[in-house]
Protein backbone atom coordinates (compact mmCIF):
# COMPACT_ATOMS: atom_id res chain seq x y z
CA MET A 1 33.74 -7.49 14.25
CA ILE A 2 31.38 -8.01 11.29
CA LEU A 3 29.36 -10.72 13.19
CA GLY A 4 28.97 -8.23 16.19
CA LEU A 5 27.74 -5.53 13.78
CA ALA A 6 25.41 -7.97 12.17
CA ARG A 7 23.82 -8.76 15.47
CA SER A 8 23.27 -5.14 16.20
CA TRP A 9 21.56 -4.62 12.80
CA SER A 10 19.39 -7.53 13.55
CA LEU A 11 18.46 -6.11 16.92
CA ALA A 12 17.50 -2.74 15.28
CA GLY A 13 15.56 -4.72 12.66
CA TYR A 14 13.55 -6.61 15.23
CA THR A 15 13.07 -3.52 17.36
CA VAL A 16 11.58 -1.61 14.36
CA ALA A 17 9.32 -4.58 13.47
CA ALA A 18 8.09 -4.80 16.86
CA LEU A 19 7.02 -1.22 16.80
CA LEU A 20 5.22 -1.83 13.67
CA VAL A 21 3.41 -4.93 14.68
CA LEU A 22 2.52 -3.28 18.23
CA PRO A 23 -0.91 -1.92 16.98
CA LEU A 24 -1.92 -5.46 15.91
CA PHE A 25 -1.18 -6.85 19.33
CA ALA A 26 -2.77 -3.82 21.12
CA LEU A 27 -5.93 -4.34 18.90
CA ILE A 28 -6.19 -8.02 20.02
CA LEU A 29 -5.69 -7.07 23.74
CA GLN A 30 -8.26 -4.28 23.43
CA ALA A 31 -10.72 -6.65 21.97
CA LEU A 32 -10.33 -8.85 24.99
CA GLN A 33 -11.38 -6.18 27.39
CA PRO A 34 -15.06 -5.97 28.64
CA ASP A 35 -17.42 -3.81 26.58
CA GLU A 36 -20.54 -3.37 28.61
CA ALA A 37 -22.58 -5.88 26.54
CA ILE A 38 -22.48 -3.60 23.44
CA PHE A 39 -20.73 -6.32 21.30
CA SER A 40 -23.41 -8.97 22.47
CA HIS A 41 -26.28 -6.47 21.43
CA LEU A 42 -24.57 -5.88 18.14
CA LEU A 43 -24.21 -9.65 17.64
CA ALA A 44 -27.92 -10.19 18.41
CA THR A 45 -29.13 -7.55 16.17
CA VAL A 46 -27.14 -6.05 13.26
CA LEU A 47 -23.76 -7.61 13.31
CA PRO A 48 -24.95 -10.57 10.92
CA THR A 49 -25.97 -7.95 8.28
CA TYR A 50 -22.54 -6.10 8.78
CA ILE A 51 -20.65 -9.52 8.14
CA ARG A 52 -22.82 -10.45 5.29
CA ASN A 53 -22.55 -6.97 3.50
CA SER A 54 -18.69 -6.94 4.01
CA LEU A 55 -18.27 -10.42 2.44
CA LEU A 56 -20.53 -9.72 -0.41
CA LEU A 57 -18.90 -6.46 -0.96
CA ILE A 58 -15.17 -8.10 -1.00
CA LEU A 59 -16.41 -10.91 -3.25
CA GLY A 60 -18.47 -8.65 -5.59
CA VAL A 61 -15.53 -6.15 -5.97
CA SER A 62 -12.97 -8.93 -6.48
CA LEU A 63 -15.02 -10.61 -9.14
CA GLY A 64 -15.87 -7.30 -10.81
CA ALA A 65 -12.29 -6.06 -10.91
CA LEU A 66 -11.35 -9.36 -12.52
CA LEU A 67 -14.05 -9.33 -15.15
CA LEU A 68 -12.87 -5.71 -16.10
CA ALA A 69 -9.12 -6.21 -15.82
CA ILE A 70 -8.43 -9.60 -17.57
CA PRO A 71 -9.71 -8.66 -21.04
CA CYS A 72 -8.00 -5.39 -20.93
CA ALA A 73 -4.67 -7.03 -19.72
CA TRP A 74 -4.85 -9.69 -22.45
CA LEU A 75 -5.83 -7.24 -25.32
CA THR A 76 -3.07 -4.73 -24.49
CA ALA A 77 -0.30 -7.40 -23.78
CA ARG A 78 -0.86 -9.97 -26.61
CA CYS A 79 -3.06 -8.38 -29.34
CA GLU A 80 -2.13 -5.76 -31.82
CA PHE A 81 -4.70 -3.08 -32.64
CA VAL A 82 -4.99 0.53 -33.23
CA GLY A 83 -4.65 2.68 -29.85
CA ARG A 84 -3.08 -0.35 -27.98
CA ARG A 85 0.03 1.66 -26.93
CA TYR A 86 -2.08 4.43 -25.36
CA LEU A 87 -4.57 2.18 -23.80
CA GLN A 88 -1.93 0.10 -21.99
CA TRP A 89 -1.02 3.02 -19.72
CA ALA A 90 -4.31 4.88 -19.81
CA LEU A 91 -6.18 2.00 -18.11
CA LEU A 92 -4.06 2.65 -14.99
CA LEU A 93 -5.58 6.13 -14.66
CA PRO A 94 -8.54 4.98 -12.48
CA LEU A 95 -6.28 4.09 -9.82
CA ALA A 96 -5.65 7.77 -9.00
CA MET A 97 -9.35 8.32 -8.47
CA PRO A 98 -10.56 7.88 -4.80
CA GLY A 99 -13.44 5.83 -4.73
CA TYR A 100 -15.76 8.11 -2.73
CA ILE A 101 -15.30 10.78 -5.40
CA VAL A 102 -16.43 8.46 -8.00
CA ALA A 103 -19.31 7.41 -5.99
CA TYR A 104 -20.40 11.16 -5.43
CA VAL A 105 -19.97 12.04 -9.18
CA TYR A 106 -22.12 8.94 -10.30
CA THR A 107 -24.68 9.73 -7.46
CA ASP A 108 -24.95 13.23 -8.59
CA LEU A 109 -25.42 12.00 -12.20
CA LEU A 110 -27.86 9.25 -11.67
CA ASP A 111 -29.94 10.45 -8.52
CA TYR A 112 -33.69 11.38 -9.40
CA ALA A 113 -32.71 15.00 -9.42
CA GLY A 114 -29.74 14.27 -11.52
CA PRO A 115 -29.26 15.21 -15.28
CA VAL A 116 -29.82 11.61 -16.40
CA GLN A 117 -33.17 11.05 -14.84
CA ARG A 118 -34.19 14.67 -15.58
CA SER A 119 -33.39 14.03 -19.28
CA LEU A 120 -35.45 10.73 -19.28
CA ARG A 121 -38.28 12.34 -17.63
CA SER A 122 -38.19 15.14 -20.18
CA ILE A 123 -37.94 12.93 -23.23
CA PHE A 124 -40.54 10.48 -22.28
CA GLY A 125 -43.01 12.72 -20.43
CA TRP A 126 -42.63 10.97 -17.04
CA SER A 127 -43.60 12.94 -14.08
CA SER A 128 -42.91 10.92 -11.04
CA PRO A 129 -40.74 7.87 -9.86
CA GLN A 130 -43.79 5.54 -10.19
CA ASP A 131 -43.84 6.18 -14.06
CA TYR A 132 -40.54 4.30 -14.63
CA PHE A 133 -37.94 2.13 -13.17
CA PHE A 134 -34.45 3.36 -12.40
CA SER A 135 -31.90 1.60 -10.27
CA ASP A 136 -30.75 3.25 -6.97
CA ILE A 137 -26.97 3.65 -6.98
CA ARG A 138 -26.93 4.02 -3.31
CA THR A 139 -26.97 0.36 -2.70
CA LEU A 140 -24.50 -2.56 -2.01
CA GLY A 141 -24.55 -3.12 -5.89
CA GLY A 142 -23.67 0.46 -6.42
CA ALA A 143 -20.71 0.29 -4.01
CA ILE A 144 -19.39 -2.86 -5.77
CA CYS A 145 -19.65 -1.08 -9.24
CA MET A 146 -17.90 2.01 -7.88
CA LEU A 147 -15.09 0.27 -6.21
CA SER A 148 -14.66 -2.18 -9.08
CA LEU A 149 -14.00 0.83 -11.31
CA VAL A 150 -11.22 2.32 -9.19
CA LEU A 151 -9.61 -0.99 -8.15
CA PHE A 152 -9.48 -3.03 -11.28
CA PRO A 153 -6.02 -1.38 -12.17
CA TYR A 154 -4.42 -3.41 -9.51
CA ILE A 155 -5.27 -6.75 -11.25
CA TYR A 156 -4.90 -5.24 -14.74
CA LEU A 157 -1.20 -4.25 -14.12
CA LEU A 158 -0.23 -7.54 -12.57
CA ALA A 159 -2.25 -9.63 -15.26
CA ARG A 160 -0.69 -7.56 -18.05
CA THR A 161 2.87 -8.05 -16.84
CA ALA A 162 2.18 -11.78 -16.46
CA PHE A 163 0.70 -12.13 -19.83
CA MET A 164 3.66 -10.33 -21.38
CA GLU A 165 6.28 -12.37 -19.59
CA GLN A 166 4.82 -15.73 -20.51
CA SER A 167 7.07 -18.04 -22.65
CA LEU A 168 6.69 -17.29 -26.32
CA SER A 169 7.68 -20.87 -27.19
CA LEU A 170 4.38 -22.09 -25.48
CA ALA A 171 2.54 -19.61 -27.49
CA HIS A 172 4.05 -20.64 -30.63
CA ALA A 173 3.42 -24.29 -29.80
CA SER A 174 -0.33 -23.36 -29.29
CA ARG A 175 -0.43 -21.84 -32.75
CA ILE A 176 1.19 -24.76 -34.45
CA MET A 177 -1.26 -27.07 -32.66
CA GLY A 178 -4.22 -24.98 -34.27
CA CYS A 179 -5.27 -23.15 -31.12
CA SER A 180 -7.01 -19.94 -31.76
CA PRO A 181 -6.16 -16.78 -29.87
CA TRP A 182 -9.23 -17.40 -27.86
CA GLN A 183 -8.29 -21.04 -26.93
CA SER A 184 -4.59 -20.03 -26.33
CA PHE A 185 -5.81 -17.43 -23.82
CA TRP A 186 -8.31 -19.76 -22.20
CA ARG A 187 -6.25 -22.99 -22.00
CA LEU A 188 -2.65 -21.58 -21.67
CA SER A 189 -2.20 -17.90 -20.69
CA LEU A 190 -5.03 -17.63 -18.08
CA PRO A 191 -3.93 -20.59 -16.08
CA MET A 192 -0.27 -19.55 -16.10
CA ALA A 193 -1.26 -15.97 -14.99
CA ARG A 194 -3.02 -17.31 -11.98
CA PRO A 195 -0.40 -16.42 -9.45
CA ALA A 196 -0.32 -12.87 -10.59
CA LEU A 197 -4.30 -12.70 -10.62
CA ALA A 198 -4.30 -14.22 -7.03
CA VAL A 199 -1.99 -11.48 -5.88
CA GLY A 200 -4.23 -8.73 -7.68
CA VAL A 201 -7.31 -10.11 -6.19
CA ALA A 202 -5.72 -10.18 -2.68
CA LEU A 203 -4.80 -6.53 -3.03
CA VAL A 204 -8.26 -5.68 -4.30
CA ALA A 205 -9.77 -7.59 -1.39
CA MET A 206 -7.74 -5.78 1.25
CA GLU A 207 -8.43 -2.26 -0.41
CA THR A 208 -12.04 -3.21 -0.40
CA ALA A 209 -12.19 -4.27 3.26
CA ALA A 210 -10.26 -1.02 4.18
CA ASP A 211 -12.75 1.17 2.34
CA PHE A 212 -14.79 3.33 4.61
CA ALA A 213 -15.85 6.57 2.58
CA THR A 214 -17.61 4.91 -0.32
CA VAL A 215 -19.85 2.56 1.90
CA SER A 216 -20.35 5.31 4.40
CA TYR A 217 -21.55 7.76 1.62
CA PHE A 218 -23.91 5.06 0.14
CA ALA A 219 -25.17 4.25 3.69
CA VAL A 220 -24.09 0.45 3.18
CA PRO A 221 -23.61 -1.18 6.71
CA THR A 222 -20.20 -2.96 6.62
CA LEU A 223 -17.85 -4.00 9.39
CA THR A 224 -15.76 -0.90 8.62
CA THR A 225 -18.62 1.62 9.11
CA ALA A 226 -19.69 -0.37 12.25
CA VAL A 227 -16.08 0.09 13.78
CA TYR A 228 -16.57 3.93 13.11
CA ASP A 229 -20.05 4.07 14.48
CA THR A 230 -19.24 1.93 17.61
CA TRP A 231 -16.20 3.83 18.56
CA LEU A 232 -17.69 7.37 18.20
CA GLY A 233 -21.41 6.69 18.45
CA TYR A 234 -21.27 4.26 21.35
CA GLY A 235 -18.04 5.56 22.84
CA ASN A 236 -16.79 1.98 23.42
CA LEU A 237 -13.41 1.22 22.20
CA ALA A 238 -13.57 -2.40 23.26
CA ALA A 239 -16.60 -3.32 21.13
CA ALA A 240 -14.97 -1.48 18.20
CA ALA A 241 -11.76 -3.55 18.74
CA LYS A 242 -13.96 -6.84 18.70
CA LEU A 243 -15.39 -5.53 15.38
CA SER A 244 -12.00 -4.87 14.18
CA ALA A 245 -10.90 -8.27 15.11
CA ILE A 246 -13.56 -9.76 12.89
CA ILE A 247 -12.40 -7.62 9.97
CA LEU A 248 -8.80 -8.91 10.36
CA LEU A 249 -10.06 -12.50 10.63
CA VAL A 250 -11.95 -11.93 7.24
CA VAL A 251 -8.82 -10.40 5.61
CA PHE A 252 -6.32 -12.84 6.79
CA SER A 253 -8.65 -15.73 5.85
CA LEU A 254 -9.04 -14.68 2.35
CA ILE A 255 -5.28 -14.27 2.06
CA GLY A 256 -4.60 -17.71 3.74
CA PHE A 257 -7.23 -19.30 1.45
CA GLU A 258 -5.71 -17.88 -1.64
CA ARG A 259 -2.18 -19.12 -0.46
CA PHE A 260 -3.56 -22.60 0.51
CA ALA A 261 -5.49 -22.97 -2.95
CA ARG A 262 -2.14 -22.64 -4.92
CA ARG A 263 0.23 -24.28 -2.38
CA LYS A 264 1.15 -27.11 -4.68
CA GLN A 265 1.24 -24.92 -7.81
CA GLN A 266 4.68 -24.73 -9.50
CA LEU A 267 5.32 -22.74 -12.71
CA PHE A 268 8.51 -22.66 -14.56
CA GLN A 269 8.94 -20.85 -17.65
CA LYS A 270 11.46 -19.01 -19.73
CA GLN A 271 10.67 -15.22 -19.89
CA SER A 272 11.17 -13.56 -23.13
CA ARG A 273 10.55 -10.07 -24.62
CA ILE A 274 7.31 -9.71 -26.60
CA GLN A 275 7.93 -8.50 -30.09
CA ALA A 276 5.32 -6.84 -32.51
CA THR A 277 5.36 -10.00 -34.65
CA ASP A 278 4.43 -12.12 -31.62
CA LEU A 279 1.13 -10.18 -31.11
CA TYR A 280 -2.14 -11.43 -32.36
CA PRO A 281 -3.45 -8.98 -35.21
CA LEU A 282 -7.02 -8.01 -34.59
CA THR A 283 -9.54 -7.72 -37.62
CA THR A 284 -11.46 -4.42 -38.08
CA VAL A 285 -14.56 -5.85 -36.19
CA GLN A 286 -12.34 -7.24 -33.41
CA THR A 287 -10.56 -3.86 -33.15
CA ALA A 288 -13.83 -2.05 -32.97
CA VAL A 289 -14.93 -4.38 -30.03
CA ALA A 290 -11.50 -4.08 -28.20
CA LEU A 291 -11.56 -0.30 -28.56
CA SER A 292 -15.25 -0.07 -27.39
CA PHE A 293 -14.66 -2.23 -24.33
CA CYS A 294 -11.29 -0.57 -23.21
CA GLY A 295 -12.34 2.92 -24.12
CA THR A 296 -15.78 2.71 -22.49
CA LEU A 297 -14.28 1.42 -19.40
CA LEU A 298 -11.58 4.16 -19.31
CA PHE A 299 -14.31 6.92 -19.94
CA VAL A 300 -16.58 5.73 -17.29
CA ALA A 301 -13.81 5.09 -14.67
CA PHE A 302 -11.71 8.11 -15.19
CA VAL A 303 -12.58 10.53 -18.02
CA LEU A 304 -15.98 11.40 -17.03
CA PRO A 305 -15.49 11.75 -13.18
CA PHE A 306 -12.35 13.81 -13.77
CA SER A 307 -14.07 15.90 -16.36
CA ILE A 308 -16.92 16.53 -13.91
CA LEU A 309 -14.48 17.37 -11.12
CA LEU A 310 -12.56 19.85 -13.33
CA SER A 311 -15.85 21.59 -14.25
CA TYR A 312 -16.55 21.84 -10.54
CA ALA A 313 -13.03 23.00 -9.75
CA ILE A 314 -13.47 25.87 -12.38
CA SER A 315 -16.83 26.97 -11.51
CA TYR A 316 -15.98 27.11 -7.73
CA PHE A 317 -12.46 28.23 -8.14
CA GLU A 318 -12.72 31.51 -6.27
CA GLN A 319 -14.42 29.93 -3.32
CA SER A 320 -11.80 27.24 -2.98
CA TRP A 321 -8.54 29.17 -3.88
CA ASP A 322 -7.95 30.80 -0.39
CA GLY A 323 -5.52 30.56 2.48
CA ARG A 324 -7.13 27.48 3.91
CA PHE A 325 -6.67 25.60 0.66
CA TRP A 326 -2.92 26.27 0.82
CA GLN A 327 -2.88 25.11 4.50
CA LEU A 328 -4.71 21.86 3.64
CA SER A 329 -2.15 21.27 0.88
CA ILE A 330 0.80 21.88 3.08
CA ASN A 331 -0.65 19.46 5.76
CA SER A 332 -1.28 16.83 3.33
CA LEU A 333 2.17 17.12 1.47
CA SER A 334 4.22 17.37 4.63
CA LEU A 335 2.29 14.44 6.26
CA ALA A 336 2.74 12.26 3.14
CA LEU A 337 6.33 13.39 2.70
CA ILE A 338 7.58 12.58 6.17
CA THR A 339 5.66 9.11 6.01
CA SER A 340 7.31 8.27 2.83
CA LEU A 341 10.90 9.15 4.01
CA ILE A 342 10.41 7.22 7.30
CA CYS A 343 8.91 4.09 5.41
CA CYS A 344 11.87 4.13 3.05
CA LEU A 345 14.45 4.25 5.79
CA ILE A 346 12.70 1.47 7.65
CA ALA A 347 12.40 -0.69 4.42
CA LEU A 348 16.23 0.03 3.76
CA LEU A 349 17.06 -1.35 7.20
CA LEU A 350 14.81 -4.35 7.28
CA MET A 351 15.88 -5.56 3.74
CA PHE A 352 19.60 -5.00 4.49
CA VAL A 353 19.31 -7.25 7.56
CA ARG A 354 17.36 -9.75 5.55
CA ARG A 355 20.00 -9.78 2.84
CA SER A 356 23.23 -9.59 4.76
CA SER A 357 22.43 -11.86 7.75
CA PRO A 358 22.99 -15.51 7.30
CA ARG A 359 20.34 -16.51 9.82
CA PRO A 360 17.02 -17.38 8.29
CA SER A 361 15.24 -15.84 11.38
CA ASP A 362 16.52 -12.42 10.29
CA ALA A 363 14.04 -12.41 7.41
CA LEU A 364 11.23 -12.41 10.02
CA PRO A 365 11.34 -8.50 10.70
CA SER A 366 10.49 -7.57 7.05
CA ARG A 367 7.59 -10.03 6.91
CA LEU A 368 6.14 -8.89 10.29
CA ALA A 369 6.41 -5.29 9.39
CA SER A 370 4.55 -5.96 6.03
CA THR A 371 1.34 -7.23 7.79
CA GLY A 372 0.29 -3.64 8.46
CA TYR A 373 -0.79 -3.24 4.94
CA ALA A 374 -3.71 -5.55 5.74
CA LEU A 375 -5.13 -3.40 8.46
CA PRO A 376 -8.01 -1.19 7.34
CA GLY A 377 -7.72 2.50 8.29
CA THR A 378 -10.33 2.34 10.99
CA VAL A 379 -8.96 -0.83 12.55
CA LEU A 380 -5.41 0.68 12.34
CA ALA A 381 -6.79 3.67 14.19
CA ILE A 382 -7.70 1.80 17.20
CA GLY A 383 -4.47 -0.30 17.08
CA VAL A 384 -2.45 2.94 17.19
CA LEU A 385 -4.50 4.76 19.73
CA VAL A 386 -4.32 2.10 22.46
CA PRO A 387 -0.48 2.01 23.00
CA LEU A 388 0.14 5.61 22.31
CA THR A 389 -2.53 6.64 24.78
CA MET A 390 -0.97 4.39 27.43
CA LEU A 391 2.40 5.84 26.62
CA ASP A 392 0.97 9.40 26.86
CA PHE A 393 -0.44 8.54 30.33
CA ALA A 394 2.90 7.03 31.32
CA ILE A 395 4.83 10.23 30.40
CA ASN A 396 2.41 12.43 32.43
CA ASP A 397 2.49 10.14 35.35
CA LEU A 398 6.29 10.15 35.34
CA ALA A 399 6.22 14.07 35.14
CA ASP A 400 4.02 13.95 38.18
CA VAL A 401 6.45 11.89 40.20
CA PHE A 402 9.17 14.42 39.56
CA GLY A 403 6.85 17.37 40.37
CA ILE A 404 6.81 18.52 36.73
CA LYS A 405 3.74 19.78 34.91
CA GLY A 406 2.76 17.01 32.45
CA PRO A 407 3.19 17.62 28.67
CA GLY A 408 -0.34 16.41 27.89
CA LEU A 409 -1.21 14.30 24.89
CA ILE A 410 1.94 14.77 22.99
CA LEU A 411 1.53 11.71 20.99
CA THR A 412 -2.30 11.08 20.46
CA GLY A 413 -2.92 14.84 20.41
CA SER A 414 -0.49 15.52 17.48
CA VAL A 415 0.40 14.30 14.01
CA VAL A 416 2.67 11.71 15.58
CA ALA A 417 -0.33 9.31 15.83
CA LEU A 418 -1.07 9.98 12.18
CA ILE A 419 2.49 9.53 10.99
CA PHE A 420 2.84 6.40 13.00
CA ALA A 421 -0.28 4.91 11.69
CA PHE A 422 0.57 5.74 7.98
CA CYS A 423 4.10 4.07 8.52
CA VAL A 424 2.45 0.96 9.86
CA ARG A 425 0.05 0.86 6.96
CA PHE A 426 2.39 1.71 4.04
CA VAL A 427 5.79 0.37 4.97
CA ALA A 428 4.85 -2.84 3.16
CA ILE A 429 4.90 -0.93 -0.12
CA ALA A 430 8.41 0.50 0.38
CA ILE A 431 9.55 -3.02 1.52
CA GLY A 432 8.33 -4.50 -1.80
CA SER A 433 9.94 -1.74 -3.73
CA VAL A 434 13.45 -2.21 -2.12
CA GLU A 435 13.04 -5.96 -2.16
CA ASN A 436 12.50 -5.92 -5.92
CA SER A 437 15.61 -3.61 -6.43
CA TYR A 438 17.74 -5.95 -4.15
CA LYS A 439 16.96 -8.92 -6.43
CA ARG A 440 18.96 -7.14 -9.09
CA ILE A 441 22.05 -6.70 -7.00
CA SER A 442 24.39 -9.57 -7.39
CA PRO A 443 25.67 -11.19 -3.91
CA SER A 444 29.18 -11.17 -5.32
CA LEU A 445 29.33 -7.39 -4.80
CA ASP A 446 28.71 -8.05 -1.04
CA MET A 447 31.45 -10.70 -0.86
CA VAL A 448 33.86 -8.49 -2.91
CA SER A 449 33.23 -5.37 -0.50
CA LEU A 450 33.59 -7.43 2.69
CA THR A 451 36.70 -9.06 1.27
CA MET A 452 38.07 -5.36 0.79
CA GLY A 453 37.32 -4.61 4.49
CA GLN A 454 34.19 -2.68 4.16
CA SER A 455 31.97 -2.80 7.32
CA PRO A 456 28.18 -3.55 6.92
CA ARG A 457 27.57 0.19 7.23
CA GLN A 458 30.04 1.06 4.51
CA LEU A 459 28.49 -1.80 2.32
CA LEU A 460 25.13 -0.34 2.71
CA TRP A 461 26.06 3.28 2.02
CA ARG A 462 28.80 2.90 -0.68
CA VAL A 463 27.56 -0.16 -2.60
CA HIS A 464 23.86 -0.86 -1.85
CA PHE A 465 22.41 2.64 -1.69
CA PRO A 466 23.37 3.90 -5.05
CA LEU A 467 22.17 0.78 -6.64
CA LEU A 468 18.85 0.92 -4.70
CA ALA A 469 18.17 4.47 -5.11
CA LYS A 470 15.77 4.19 -8.08
CA GLY A 471 13.83 1.57 -6.08
CA LEU A 472 13.69 3.71 -3.03
CA PHE A 473 12.52 6.78 -4.90
CA ALA A 474 9.71 4.55 -6.53
CA GLY A 475 8.77 3.28 -3.12
CA ALA A 476 8.82 6.75 -1.50
CA LEU A 477 6.57 8.08 -4.43
CA LEU A 478 4.07 5.31 -3.93
CA VAL A 479 3.92 5.73 -0.21
CA PHE A 480 3.54 9.36 -0.67
CA ILE A 481 0.56 8.97 -2.93
CA GLU A 482 -1.11 6.51 -0.44
CA GLY A 483 -0.45 8.94 2.29
CA MET A 484 -2.17 11.72 0.27
CA LYS A 485 -5.34 9.66 -0.26
CA GLU A 486 -5.66 7.78 3.23
CA LEU A 487 -8.89 8.87 4.80
CA PRO A 488 -10.24 6.63 7.68
CA ALA A 489 -7.02 6.66 9.78
CA ALA A 490 -6.82 10.64 9.22
CA LEU A 491 -10.48 11.03 10.17
CA LEU A 492 -10.07 9.14 13.54
CA LEU A 493 -6.52 10.03 14.55
CA ARG A 494 -6.12 13.68 13.34
CA PRO A 495 -5.57 16.21 16.19
CA ILE A 496 -8.18 18.79 16.93
CA GLY A 497 -8.28 21.48 14.30
CA PHE A 498 -6.22 19.57 11.90
CA GLU A 499 -7.46 18.89 8.34
CA ASN A 500 -5.77 17.69 5.11
CA LEU A 501 -7.05 17.36 1.71
CA ALA A 502 -8.69 13.98 2.09
CA THR A 503 -10.67 14.83 5.18
CA TYR A 504 -11.62 18.28 3.59
CA VAL A 505 -12.91 16.64 0.42
CA PHE A 506 -14.85 13.86 2.41
CA GLN A 507 -16.48 16.62 4.60
CA PHE A 508 -18.03 18.25 1.55
CA VAL A 509 -18.87 14.90 0.07
CA SER A 510 -20.93 14.00 3.19
CA ASP A 511 -22.65 17.36 2.91
CA GLU A 512 -23.38 16.79 -0.66
CA LYS A 513 -21.31 19.64 -1.64
CA LEU A 514 -18.36 18.25 -3.52
CA GLU A 515 -18.24 21.29 -5.87
CA HIS A 516 -16.82 23.31 -3.03
CA GLY A 517 -14.08 20.59 -2.43
CA ALA A 518 -13.57 19.80 -6.15
CA LEU A 519 -10.30 21.75 -6.34
CA ALA A 520 -8.83 19.70 -3.51
CA ALA A 521 -9.95 16.62 -5.16
CA ILE A 522 -8.35 17.53 -8.33
CA VAL A 523 -5.07 18.07 -6.41
CA ILE A 524 -5.32 14.54 -4.91
CA VAL A 525 -6.05 13.02 -8.24
CA LEU A 526 -3.21 14.78 -10.13
CA VAL A 527 -0.67 13.85 -7.40
CA GLY A 528 -1.84 10.32 -7.92
CA LEU A 529 -1.06 10.52 -11.49
CA VAL A 530 2.74 10.80 -10.83
CA PRO A 531 3.58 7.25 -10.10
CA LEU A 532 1.34 6.14 -12.92
CA ILE A 533 3.72 8.03 -15.30
CA TYR A 534 6.53 5.89 -13.93
CA LEU A 535 4.59 2.73 -14.53
CA ASN A 536 3.89 3.88 -17.91
CA ARG A 537 7.50 4.15 -18.71
CA SER A 538 8.05 0.63 -17.28
CA LEU A 539 5.31 -0.68 -19.65
CA GLU A 540 6.83 1.04 -22.63
CA GLN A 541 10.11 -0.85 -22.14
CA HIS A 542 8.24 -4.02 -22.41
CA SER A 543 6.30 -3.07 -25.32
């Protein structure tokens, strides 16, 4: 009886995973369709530039985020100085800022008509751009800087955790052998943290490849903007799918290269809790340098952009606080809430199958379902649109066969397409959260429950679910935040007349009028701070 139920659960897991992987296969099939020679034209003209800019952007942001994150992670994890306990969680705050909002704020500050250049001209008596040199922020380099500022917390969080969990006996041994804190960091801690750094860089690379709004606002031609322009400008879905396939090739190649590079690396260490006596005390000069670096980074990446947004929101509060704002908020909240609930249910099903089934093949559904996180929003939109459009036409054709009026585009013309796309993209987050919670549940509990005659369904509901509740809530919260911020998929798949906070803000950013959308941007940022509070509590438990 239990074996039969296990097979039915496995079948359900494979069915759900197949649905989540369907957009990827649909994208590949669409890329094989004829495209009226548009792709050949792009290949002969601008495609090399798109590819070069995309690779430079990914590599630049990955390197920039590493250079920003590693010093902060080491200082807050292994050094003792004034303000460390506040900085360790405050440095996560930039993660709540969408990149395109930070890009607009700094463009407004640093452009020729902005306050910085106006002040310089007033102070030095300059009258024209020919009188002085000031770097243009709307360039590939500017996009790299902006994305590095908002994405470095991915690496910072993982690196800091890795530094804190490293064996104290090794650190003590390095001190006994006469290594300075710098030598201990360079020779011991940094190599041991490489797996965590590699995961963080992979996350940053995927987020960078998925970015559309920042590079679009800066007019930097990348593969992501090329997909958007080819789809909507040329009206050719097949050519856009071919460009999307190139993006996927780049993303999966980076992930594969990272795993190949450390395929033979093995790391065994006894984890131990860091105590205050185990931290390196910094001198007054070193403390000043540490506070200057971390404080400046926090100010540039979060405090200044948020302060400017807040001033905009206060100044334009009356224009923004209306019925439309409430409707936009409801749209965003309901869309993100539904997505988070569905993702958690899917994660619970797939991870239960993976844990309870004795067959190694039943671990495959959760792995397949997690591949959607690597799909950028513009790429995902094409993958979702193709099968749902086919299903819409099939439903209408079936209605015609029975002489019934067709329901129209009930999938692609509604929020169903958006919810499906969000689930494909973010279910990996929920799976990761549930997987971490499952690792804390002893397998002996499963054996005892089955011995007492509990069915798999009762085992899941009575034993696993109460123990997984905290992990499920954390996963739902993270998916909710990502759903609130997701822009490219919402721009391409939203029904006619449907707007949420992200598309509303981007519309004003594109029109150089962020002031009018600042209140909506503030809401997105404040909602994004909620999971950071939970991360802060987790960090405090390790301090």
